[in-house]
Amino acid sequence: MLRRPPACYAEASLAHRIGYPAAVDSRNRLALRATLHCLSGCSIGEVGGMVAGAAFGLSAGATVAISIVLAFFFGYLLTLWPLRAAGIPWRRAMGLAAASDTVSITIMEIVDNVVMLVIPGAMTSGPGTALFWISMAVSLVLAGAAAFPVNRWLIARGQGHAVVHDVHGGQGHHH
């Protein structure tokens, strides 16, 4: 009986056959994982901040400020958690989180908040409306799309998320 090669083998051989270097494929995967990782933290913070702002009737500026603080908090937390679980000391883990996520989260926060501010009524519609959730979804997709090429560029240079990947050996630090 013929055994089917693992999907990763088939994918790698396809990439090789069409002349697509494995290193480029690996960077794209790592950049996508890094982007989705940061987007997860940003999404939690953004949604939490926007919902809190609407619930407490805060101004657009105050709502954006809370969203940004929460996005960075949760973005870093999602990196710190597995690093600490792997036994990396707090100070080192915090430095790695800052090195790996700051640029990505910053780009996402700029794009996300600008989109929310420019969509008419998005900031004031509140979480009980379709406008709020559609605007939030659009802003987060655009934020992720904006951060991906920067994450890829940083990874290609051994910076950004590559720093955490190198320290953690790519094992156990899944997003």
Protein backbone atom coordinates (compact mmCIF):
# COMPACT_ATOMS: atom_id res chain seq x y z
CA MET A 1 0.00 0.00 0.00
CA LEU A 2 1.32 3.42 -0.91
CA ARG A 3 1.61 5.89 1.92
CA ARG A 4 0.55 9.44 1.26
CA PRO A 5 3.23 12.03 2.15
CA PRO A 6 2.34 14.48 4.90
CA ALA A 7 0.64 17.68 3.75
CA CYS A 8 3.66 19.78 4.75
CA TYR A 9 5.89 17.58 2.53
CA ALA A 10 3.53 17.88 -0.43
CA GLU A 11 3.28 21.62 0.04
CA ALA A 12 7.05 22.00 0.34
CA SER A 13 7.64 19.93 -2.77
CA LEU A 14 5.08 21.97 -4.71
CA ALA A 15 6.80 25.18 -3.60
CA HIS A 16 10.14 23.68 -4.67
CA ARG A 17 8.79 22.53 -8.06
CA ILE A 18 7.51 25.99 -8.96
CA GLY A 19 10.77 27.60 -7.88
CA TYR A 20 9.40 29.18 -4.69
CA PRO A 21 12.18 29.10 -2.10
CA ALA A 22 11.30 27.29 1.12
CA ALA A 23 12.78 30.18 3.15
CA VAL A 24 10.28 32.59 1.59
CA ASP A 25 7.42 30.21 2.34
CA SER A 26 8.63 29.86 5.93
CA ARG A 27 8.85 33.66 6.36
CA ASN A 28 5.35 34.07 4.95
CA ARG A 29 3.98 31.49 7.39
CA LEU A 30 5.76 33.03 10.36
CA ALA A 31 4.61 36.51 9.30
CA LEU A 32 1.03 35.29 8.99
CA ARG A 33 1.19 33.63 12.42
CA ALA A 34 2.74 36.76 13.93
CA THR A 35 0.08 38.95 12.32
CA LEU A 36 -2.77 36.73 13.49
CA HIS A 37 -1.23 36.58 16.96
CA CYS A 38 -1.01 40.37 17.24
CA LEU A 39 -4.42 40.74 15.63
CA SER A 40 -5.89 38.49 18.33
CA GLY A 41 -4.59 40.72 21.11
CA CYS A 42 -5.56 43.87 19.24
CA SER A 43 -9.05 42.53 18.60
CA ILE A 44 -9.64 41.70 22.25
CA GLY A 45 -8.42 45.15 23.30
CA GLU A 46 -10.19 47.05 20.55
CA VAL A 47 -13.54 45.36 21.06
CA GLY A 48 -13.23 45.73 24.84
CA GLY A 49 -12.28 49.40 24.57
CA MET A 50 -14.96 50.25 22.03
CA VAL A 51 -17.65 48.43 24.02
CA ALA A 52 -16.52 50.13 27.25
CA GLY A 53 -16.46 53.53 25.54
CA ALA A 54 -19.99 53.03 24.22
CA ALA A 55 -21.28 51.64 27.52
CA PHE A 56 -19.93 54.57 29.53
CA GLY A 57 -20.75 57.21 26.91
CA LEU A 58 -17.11 58.25 26.54
CA SER A 59 -15.86 60.62 23.86
CA ALA A 60 -14.27 59.20 20.72
CA GLY A 61 -10.84 60.24 21.99
CA ALA A 62 -11.26 58.52 25.34
CA THR A 63 -12.65 55.40 23.66
CA VAL A 64 -9.70 55.25 21.27
CA ALA A 65 -7.26 55.73 24.16
CA ILE A 66 -8.81 52.88 26.17
CA SER A 67 -8.84 50.66 23.08
CA ILE A 68 -5.16 51.31 22.41
CA VAL A 69 -4.12 50.60 26.00
CA LEU A 70 -6.15 47.38 26.06
CA ALA A 71 -4.87 46.29 22.63
CA PHE A 72 -1.25 46.61 23.76
CA PHE A 73 -2.04 44.92 27.09
CA PHE A 74 -3.69 41.89 25.47
CA GLY A 75 -1.22 41.78 22.57
CA TYR A 76 1.72 41.61 24.95
CA LEU A 77 -0.12 39.22 27.28
CA LEU A 78 -0.61 36.71 24.46
CA THR A 79 3.16 36.71 23.94
CA LEU A 80 4.09 36.74 27.62
CA TRP A 81 1.88 33.83 28.55
CA PRO A 82 3.71 31.07 26.60
CA LEU A 83 7.12 32.60 27.29
CA ARG A 84 6.49 32.56 31.03
CA ALA A 85 5.04 29.04 30.78
CA ALA A 86 8.32 28.00 29.16
CA GLY A 87 10.21 29.32 32.19
CA ILE A 88 11.59 32.51 30.68
CA PRO A 89 12.06 35.11 33.46
CA TRP A 90 9.63 38.07 33.58
CA ARG A 91 12.17 40.73 32.59
CA ARG A 92 13.41 38.75 29.58
CA ALA A 93 9.85 37.77 28.57
CA MET A 94 8.68 41.39 28.72
CA GLY A 95 11.62 42.49 26.59
CA LEU A 96 10.85 39.77 24.05
CA ALA A 97 7.16 40.72 23.95
CA ALA A 98 8.03 44.36 23.36
CA ALA A 99 10.58 43.46 20.67
CA SER A 100 8.26 41.07 18.88
CA ASP A 101 4.92 42.86 19.02
CA THR A 102 5.32 46.63 19.37
CA VAL A 103 5.63 47.53 15.69
CA SER A 104 2.84 45.19 14.63
CA ILE A 105 0.43 46.34 17.33
CA THR A 106 1.24 50.00 16.61
CA ILE A 107 0.43 49.61 12.92
CA MET A 108 -2.76 47.73 13.69
CA GLU A 109 -3.89 50.32 16.21
CA ILE A 110 -3.30 53.21 13.84
CA VAL A 111 -5.20 51.54 10.99
CA ASP A 112 -7.98 50.14 13.17
CA ASN A 113 -8.72 53.39 14.98
CA VAL A 114 -8.49 55.56 11.87
CA VAL A 115 -10.96 53.27 10.08
CA MET A 116 -13.34 53.35 13.06
CA LEU A 117 -13.10 57.14 13.16
CA VAL A 118 -13.71 57.66 9.44
CA ILE A 119 -16.70 55.32 9.07
CA PRO A 120 -19.67 57.60 9.76
CA GLY A 121 -21.40 56.59 13.00
CA ALA A 122 -19.08 53.65 13.80
CA MET A 123 -17.83 55.15 17.06
CA THR A 124 -21.26 56.20 18.30
CA SER A 125 -23.42 53.34 17.02
CA GLY A 126 -22.68 51.06 19.99
CA PRO A 127 -22.21 47.30 20.25
CA GLY A 128 -25.92 46.63 19.80
CA THR A 129 -25.80 47.61 16.14
CA ALA A 130 -24.68 45.93 12.94
CA LEU A 131 -22.82 49.13 11.96
CA PHE A 132 -20.56 48.81 14.99
CA TRP A 133 -19.65 45.16 14.35
CA ILE A 134 -19.28 45.52 10.59
CA SER A 135 -17.07 48.58 11.10
CA MET A 136 -15.02 46.74 13.72
CA ALA A 137 -14.58 43.72 11.44
CA VAL A 138 -13.54 45.88 8.47
CA SER A 139 -11.12 47.88 10.62
CA LEU A 140 -9.48 44.75 12.04
CA VAL A 141 -9.13 43.05 8.64
CA LEU A 142 -7.52 46.19 7.23
CA ALA A 143 -5.27 46.46 10.30
CA GLY A 144 -4.05 42.89 9.83
CA ALA A 145 -3.50 43.46 6.11
CA ALA A 146 -1.42 46.54 6.88
CA ALA A 147 0.71 44.76 9.49
CA PHE A 148 1.45 41.57 7.52
CA PRO A 149 4.05 43.00 5.09
CA VAL A 150 5.81 44.84 7.92
CA ASN A 151 5.88 41.67 10.04
CA ARG A 152 7.27 39.75 7.08
CA TRP A 153 9.94 42.40 6.50
CA LEU A 154 10.94 42.33 10.18
CA ILE A 155 11.06 38.51 10.24
CA ALA A 156 13.25 38.45 7.12
CA ARG A 157 15.71 40.62 9.07
CA GLY A 158 15.58 38.49 12.23
CA GLN A 159 13.51 41.09 14.08
CA GLY A 160 9.93 41.35 15.28
CA HIS A 161 8.29 38.01 15.92
CA ALA A 162 11.43 36.19 14.77
CA VAL A 163 13.02 37.22 18.08
CA VAL A 164 10.44 35.24 20.09
CA HIS A 165 10.52 32.38 17.60
CA ASP A 166 14.31 32.12 17.88
CA VAL A 167 14.32 32.24 21.69
CA HIS A 168 11.47 29.82 22.04
CA GLY A 169 12.77 27.62 19.23
CA GLY A 170 9.42 27.74 17.49
CA GLN A 171 8.16 25.04 19.89
CA GLY A 172 5.23 25.55 22.15
CA HIS A 173 4.71 29.14 21.08
CA HIS A 174 1.67 28.64 18.89
CA HIS A 175 -0.80 31.30 17.99
